[in-house]
Amino acid sequence: MNNYTNDNTARRYKAHVSIFGTTQLHLRNPYIIAWWSAAFPGFGHMILSKYLRGFALFIWEIVVNIEANINLSMIYSFQGHIDLAKEVLNPRWLLMYIPVYLFGIWDCYRTAVDMNRVYLLAEQENHRFNSFSLGALEINYLDKRNPFLSIIWSLFIPRLGQLYIHKILTAFLSSLD
């Protein structure tokens, strides 16, 4: 049971509340999102609530990184063993790694810019959206949350902060690592 049913009169909504969590549009700095994607492929997409794409890039990065021996090569090069770093690196896997890594950064930046545009249009439309969801599995509602409390809960046990802010899928997918 929802307190508002989509009647297709709005072109864009600012938020969606369901039993799986709360997803909302807000302005994001595209450079920060791209930086998270550069730090680890898939993180930027997860911040943007693009879970399938983010999780696929996350798993892909782990598999290709292991097969190409990128981390081992980095360790050897940091220690000054350049010849050993070249020897352990698998060039076929490395050549596959680079384009997808760059794609992830570019796609996060592009998606953040597009989502900012959609948010600005949704803000002008100012249409109602569902802020309460009552289901057999969970009751979920939109309310103000203190981000500091999310940090505190995450310090005690990782992913509790994500559950606190109703990011159920992010908490679940990040627990699979």
C-alpha atoms as a PDB file:
ATOM      1  CA  MET A   1       0.000   0.000   0.000  1.00  0.00           C
ATOM      2  CA  ASN A   2       1.413   3.344  -1.046  1.00  0.00           C
ATOM      3  CA  ASN A   3       0.263   6.811  -0.078  1.00  0.00           C
ATOM      4  CA  TYR A   4       0.515   7.921  -3.706  1.00  0.00           C
ATOM      5  CA  THR A   5       0.052   5.940  -6.886  1.00  0.00           C
ATOM      6  CA  ASN A   6       1.798   6.949 -10.066  1.00  0.00           C
ATOM      7  CA  ASP A   7      -0.882   8.268 -12.406  1.00  0.00           C
ATOM      8  CA  ASN A   8       1.595   9.091 -15.188  1.00  0.00           C
ATOM      9  CA  THR A   9       0.845  12.809 -15.065  1.00  0.00           C
ATOM     10  CA  ALA A  10       4.420  13.701 -14.152  1.00  0.00           C
ATOM     11  CA  ARG A  11       7.279  13.214 -16.550  1.00  0.00           C
ATOM     12  CA  ARG A  12       9.898  12.990 -13.790  1.00  0.00           C
ATOM     13  CA  TYR A  13       9.858  12.114 -10.107  1.00  0.00           C
ATOM     14  CA  LYS A  14      12.417  13.220  -7.511  1.00  0.00           C
ATOM     15  CA  ALA A  15      12.189  10.092  -5.366  1.00  0.00           C
ATOM     16  CA  HIS A  16      10.809   6.590  -5.170  1.00  0.00           C
ATOM     17  CA  VAL A  17      10.079   4.664  -1.990  1.00  0.00           C
ATOM     18  CA  SER A  18       9.563   0.901  -2.163  1.00  0.00           C
ATOM     19  CA  ILE A  19      10.155  -2.115   0.039  1.00  0.00           C
ATOM     20  CA  PHE A  20      13.626  -2.435  -1.509  1.00  0.00           C
ATOM     21  CA  GLY A  21      14.734   0.995  -0.337  1.00  0.00           C
ATOM     22  CA  THR A  22      14.596   4.680  -1.096  1.00  0.00           C
ATOM     23  CA  THR A  23      15.988   6.101  -4.310  1.00  0.00           C
ATOM     24  CA  GLN A  24      16.143   9.831  -4.825  1.00  0.00           C
ATOM     25  CA  LEU A  25      17.500  12.303  -7.299  1.00  0.00           C
ATOM     26  CA  HIS A  26      19.644  15.162  -6.069  1.00  0.00           C
ATOM     27  CA  LEU A  27      22.444  17.262  -7.471  1.00  0.00           C
ATOM     28  CA  ARG A  28      25.790  15.491  -7.489  1.00  0.00           C
ATOM     29  CA  ASN A  29      29.237  16.681  -8.469  1.00  0.00           C
ATOM     30  CA  PRO A  30      30.126  14.644 -11.600  1.00  0.00           C
ATOM     31  CA  TYR A  31      33.850  14.923 -10.836  1.00  0.00           C
ATOM     32  CA  ILE A  32      33.380  13.281  -7.425  1.00  0.00           C
ATOM     33  CA  ILE A  33      31.351  10.460  -8.977  1.00  0.00           C
ATOM     34  CA  ALA A  34      34.014   9.968 -11.670  1.00  0.00           C
ATOM     35  CA  TRP A  35      36.713   9.950  -8.991  1.00  0.00           C
ATOM     36  CA  TRP A  36      34.935   7.163  -7.102  1.00  0.00           C
ATOM     37  CA  SER A  37      34.749   5.193 -10.329  1.00  0.00           C
ATOM     38  CA  ALA A  38      38.470   5.762 -10.900  1.00  0.00           C
ATOM     39  CA  ALA A  39      39.214   4.571  -7.354  1.00  0.00           C
ATOM     40  CA  PHE A  40      37.370   1.313  -7.986  1.00  0.00           C
ATOM     41  CA  PRO A  41      35.190   0.569 -11.029  1.00  0.00           C
ATOM     42  CA  GLY A  42      31.535   0.282 -10.081  1.00  0.00           C
ATOM     43  CA  PHE A  43      31.627   2.506  -6.983  1.00  0.00           C
ATOM     44  CA  GLY A  44      30.489   5.589  -8.903  1.00  0.00           C
ATOM     45  CA  HIS A  45      27.560   3.703 -10.396  1.00  0.00           C
ATOM     46  CA  MET A  46      26.506   2.429  -6.980  1.00  0.00           C
ATOM     47  CA  ILE A  47      26.541   5.995  -5.631  1.00  0.00           C
ATOM     48  CA  LEU A  48      24.228   6.929  -8.517  1.00  0.00           C
ATOM     49  CA  SER A  49      21.900   3.991  -7.590  1.00  0.00           C
ATOM     50  CA  LYS A  50      22.779   2.168 -10.823  1.00  0.00           C
ATOM     51  CA  TYR A  51      23.290  -1.106  -8.993  1.00  0.00           C
ATOM     52  CA  LEU A  52      23.331  -3.634 -11.838  1.00  0.00           C
ATOM     53  CA  ARG A  53      25.906  -1.744 -13.864  1.00  0.00           C
ATOM     54  CA  GLY A  54      27.946  -0.915 -10.762  1.00  0.00           C
ATOM     55  CA  PHE A  55      27.975  -4.460  -9.467  1.00  0.00           C
ATOM     56  CA  ALA A  56      28.882  -5.825 -12.928  1.00  0.00           C
ATOM     57  CA  LEU A  57      31.850  -3.437 -13.168  1.00  0.00           C
ATOM     58  CA  PHE A  58      32.838  -4.271  -9.598  1.00  0.00           C
ATOM     59  CA  ILE A  59      32.950  -8.035 -10.261  1.00  0.00           C
ATOM     60  CA  TRP A  60      34.603  -7.472 -13.653  1.00  0.00           C
ATOM     61  CA  GLU A  61      37.376  -5.413 -12.052  1.00  0.00           C
ATOM     62  CA  ILE A  62      38.132  -8.089  -9.478  1.00  0.00           C
ATOM     63  CA  VAL A  63      38.286 -10.886 -12.070  1.00  0.00           C
ATOM     64  CA  VAL A  64      40.404  -8.974 -14.588  1.00  0.00           C
ATOM     65  CA  ASN A  65      42.674  -7.557 -11.883  1.00  0.00           C
ATOM     66  CA  ILE A  66      43.412 -11.061 -10.612  1.00  0.00           C
ATOM     67  CA  GLU A  67      43.940 -12.514 -14.101  1.00  0.00           C
ATOM     68  CA  ALA A  68      46.195  -9.645 -15.230  1.00  0.00           C
ATOM     69  CA  ASN A  69      48.176  -9.652 -11.940  1.00  0.00           C
ATOM     70  CA  ILE A  70      47.863  -5.867 -11.791  1.00  0.00           C
ATOM     71  CA  ASN A  71      48.187  -5.585  -8.006  1.00  0.00           C
ATOM     72  CA  LEU A  72      51.168  -7.944  -7.882  1.00  0.00           C
ATOM     73  CA  SER A  73      52.839  -5.967 -10.651  1.00  0.00           C
ATOM     74  CA  MET A  74      52.195  -2.730  -8.746  1.00  0.00           C
ATOM     75  CA  ILE A  75      53.741  -4.165  -5.583  1.00  0.00           C
ATOM     76  CA  TYR A  76      56.862  -5.236  -7.469  1.00  0.00           C
ATOM     77  CA  SER A  77      57.172  -1.857  -9.181  1.00  0.00           C
ATOM     78  CA  PHE A  78      56.777  -0.008  -5.846  1.00  0.00           C
ATOM     79  CA  GLN A  79      59.613  -2.131  -4.482  1.00  0.00           C
ATOM     80  CA  GLY A  80      61.822  -1.237  -7.449  1.00  0.00           C
ATOM     81  CA  HIS A  81      61.657  -4.676  -9.123  1.00  0.00           C
ATOM     82  CA  ILE A  82      60.571  -3.365 -12.530  1.00  0.00           C
ATOM     83  CA  ASP A  83      61.691  -6.445 -14.477  1.00  0.00           C
ATOM     84  CA  LEU A  84      59.728  -8.731 -12.153  1.00  0.00           C
ATOM     85  CA  ALA A  85      56.692  -6.424 -12.442  1.00  0.00           C
ATOM     86  CA  LYS A  86      56.800  -6.713 -16.247  1.00  0.00           C
ATOM     87  CA  GLU A  87      57.200 -10.475 -16.048  1.00  0.00           C
ATOM     88  CA  VAL A  88      54.121 -11.158 -13.884  1.00  0.00           C
ATOM     89  CA  LEU A  89      51.833  -8.773 -15.802  1.00  0.00           C
ATOM     90  CA  ASN A  90      49.544 -10.490 -18.311  1.00  0.00           C
ATOM     91  CA  PRO A  91      49.321  -8.086 -21.286  1.00  0.00           C
ATOM     92  CA  ARG A  92      46.214  -9.683 -22.843  1.00  0.00           C
ATOM     93  CA  TRP A  93      44.157  -9.165 -19.698  1.00  0.00           C
ATOM     94  CA  LEU A  94      45.700  -5.740 -19.119  1.00  0.00           C
ATOM     95  CA  LEU A  95      44.678  -4.560 -22.600  1.00  0.00           C
ATOM     96  CA  MET A  96      41.129  -5.641 -21.820  1.00  0.00           C
ATOM     97  CA  TYR A  97      41.243  -3.846 -18.453  1.00  0.00           C
ATOM     98  CA  ILE A  98      42.152  -0.357 -19.697  1.00  0.00           C
ATOM     99  CA  PRO A  99      39.189   0.403 -22.039  1.00  0.00           C
ATOM    100  CA  VAL A 100      36.532  -0.836 -19.613  1.00  0.00           C
ATOM    101  CA  TYR A 101      38.186   1.064 -16.746  1.00  0.00           C
ATOM    102  CA  LEU A 102      38.070   4.282 -18.802  1.00  0.00           C
ATOM    103  CA  PHE A 103      34.498   3.518 -19.899  1.00  0.00           C
ATOM    104  CA  GLY A 104      33.422   3.210 -16.247  1.00  0.00           C
ATOM    105  CA  ILE A 105      34.867   6.631 -15.406  1.00  0.00           C
ATOM    106  CA  TRP A 106      33.343   8.272 -18.490  1.00  0.00           C
ATOM    107  CA  ASP A 107      29.959   6.602 -17.975  1.00  0.00           C
ATOM    108  CA  CYS A 108      29.770   7.734 -14.337  1.00  0.00           C
ATOM    109  CA  TYR A 109      30.566  11.307 -15.289  1.00  0.00           C
ATOM    110  CA  ARG A 110      28.038  11.290 -18.150  1.00  0.00           C
ATOM    111  CA  THR A 111      25.328   9.682 -16.022  1.00  0.00           C
ATOM    112  CA  ALA A 112      25.853  12.149 -13.161  1.00  0.00           C
ATOM    113  CA  VAL A 113      25.515  15.084 -15.578  1.00  0.00           C
ATOM    114  CA  ASP A 114      22.345  13.561 -17.081  1.00  0.00           C
ATOM    115  CA  MET A 115      20.848  12.845 -13.657  1.00  0.00           C
ATOM    116  CA  ASN A 116      21.552  16.425 -12.576  1.00  0.00           C
ATOM    117  CA  ARG A 117      19.590  17.646 -15.605  1.00  0.00           C
ATOM    118  CA  VAL A 118      16.708  15.301 -14.796  1.00  0.00           C
ATOM    119  CA  TYR A 119      16.715  16.500 -11.179  1.00  0.00           C
ATOM    120  CA  LEU A 120      16.520  20.156 -12.248  1.00  0.00           C
ATOM    121  CA  LEU A 121      13.580  19.361 -14.535  1.00  0.00           C
ATOM    122  CA  ALA A 122      11.839  17.322 -11.804  1.00  0.00           C
ATOM    123  CA  GLU A 123      12.401  20.164  -9.346  1.00  0.00           C
ATOM    124  CA  GLN A 124      10.631  22.584 -11.706  1.00  0.00           C
ATOM    125  CA  GLU A 125       7.768  20.136 -12.188  1.00  0.00           C
ATOM    126  CA  ASN A 126       7.374  19.721  -8.408  1.00  0.00           C
ATOM    127  CA  HIS A 127       5.072  16.724  -8.765  1.00  0.00           C
ATOM    128  CA  ARG A 128       4.030  14.532  -5.848  1.00  0.00           C
ATOM    129  CA  PHE A 129       5.765  11.195  -5.346  1.00  0.00           C
ATOM    130  CA  ASN A 130       5.264   8.168  -3.160  1.00  0.00           C
ATOM    131  CA  SER A 131       6.745   8.778   0.277  1.00  0.00           C
ATOM    132  CA  PHE A 132       5.323   5.749   2.075  1.00  0.00           C
ATOM    133  CA  SER A 133       5.341   2.076   1.146  1.00  0.00           C
ATOM    134  CA  LEU A 134       3.579  -0.637   3.108  1.00  0.00           C
ATOM    135  CA  GLY A 135       4.298  -4.183   1.985  1.00  0.00           C
ATOM    136  CA  ALA A 136       4.328  -7.724   3.319  1.00  0.00           C
ATOM    137  CA  LEU A 137       8.102  -7.617   3.763  1.00  0.00           C
ATOM    138  CA  GLU A 138       8.675  -4.120   5.083  1.00  0.00           C
ATOM    139  CA  ILE A 139       7.267  -0.683   5.815  1.00  0.00           C
ATOM    140  CA  ASN A 140       9.358   2.046   4.248  1.00  0.00           C
ATOM    141  CA  TYR A 141       8.792   5.776   4.446  1.00  0.00           C
ATOM    142  CA  LEU A 142      10.584   8.965   3.536  1.00  0.00           C
ATOM    143  CA  ASP A 143      11.895  10.981   6.462  1.00  0.00           C
ATOM    144  CA  LYS A 144      14.866  13.114   7.411  1.00  0.00           C
ATOM    145  CA  ARG A 145      17.924  11.157   8.437  1.00  0.00           C
ATOM    146  CA  ASN A 146      21.069  12.379  10.146  1.00  0.00           C
ATOM    147  CA  PRO A 147      24.125  11.478   8.022  1.00  0.00           C
ATOM    148  CA  PHE A 148      26.312  11.556  11.131  1.00  0.00           C
ATOM    149  CA  LEU A 149      24.311   8.666  12.615  1.00  0.00           C
ATOM    150  CA  SER A 150      24.845   6.705   9.412  1.00  0.00           C
ATOM    151  CA  ILE A 151      28.604   7.121   9.849  1.00  0.00           C
ATOM    152  CA  ILE A 152      28.413   6.047  13.494  1.00  0.00           C
ATOM    153  CA  TRP A 153      26.426   2.900  12.652  1.00  0.00           C
ATOM    154  CA  SER A 154      28.849   2.063   9.836  1.00  0.00           C
ATOM    155  CA  LEU A 155      31.772   2.380  12.246  1.00  0.00           C
ATOM    156  CA  PHE A 156      30.206  -0.226  14.539  1.00  0.00           C
ATOM    157  CA  ILE A 157      29.342  -2.700  11.786  1.00  0.00           C
ATOM    158  CA  PRO A 158      29.885  -1.992   8.083  1.00  0.00           C
ATOM    159  CA  ARG A 159      26.674  -1.638   6.041  1.00  0.00           C
ATOM    160  CA  LEU A 160      24.469  -0.715   9.033  1.00  0.00           C
ATOM    161  CA  GLY A 161      24.659   2.925   7.943  1.00  0.00           C
ATOM    162  CA  GLN A 162      23.320   1.960   4.526  1.00  0.00           C
ATOM    163  CA  LEU A 163      20.426   0.128   6.143  1.00  0.00           C
ATOM    164  CA  TYR A 164      19.763   3.200   8.301  1.00  0.00           C
ATOM    165  CA  ILE A 165      19.334   5.419   5.218  1.00  0.00           C
ATOM    166  CA  HIS A 166      17.158   2.811   3.427  1.00  0.00           C
ATOM    167  CA  LYS A 167      19.784   1.779   0.852  1.00  0.00           C
ATOM    168  CA  ILE A 168      18.847  -1.898   1.103  1.00  0.00           C
ATOM    169  CA  LEU A 169      20.315  -2.969  -2.249  1.00  0.00           C
ATOM    170  CA  THR A 170      23.602  -1.159  -1.623  1.00  0.00           C
ATOM    171  CA  ALA A 171      23.939  -2.824   1.774  1.00  0.00           C
ATOM    172  CA  PHE A 172      23.128  -6.240   0.315  1.00  0.00           C
ATOM    173  CA  LEU A 173      25.352  -5.977  -2.754  1.00  0.00           C
ATOM    174  CA  SER A 174      28.300  -4.620  -0.789  1.00  0.00           C
ATOM    175  CA  SER A 175      28.024  -7.570   1.611  1.00  0.00           C
ATOM    176  CA  LEU A 176      28.695 -10.010  -1.244  1.00  0.00           C
ATOM    177  CA  ASP A 177      32.372  -9.026  -1.603  1.00  0.00           C
END
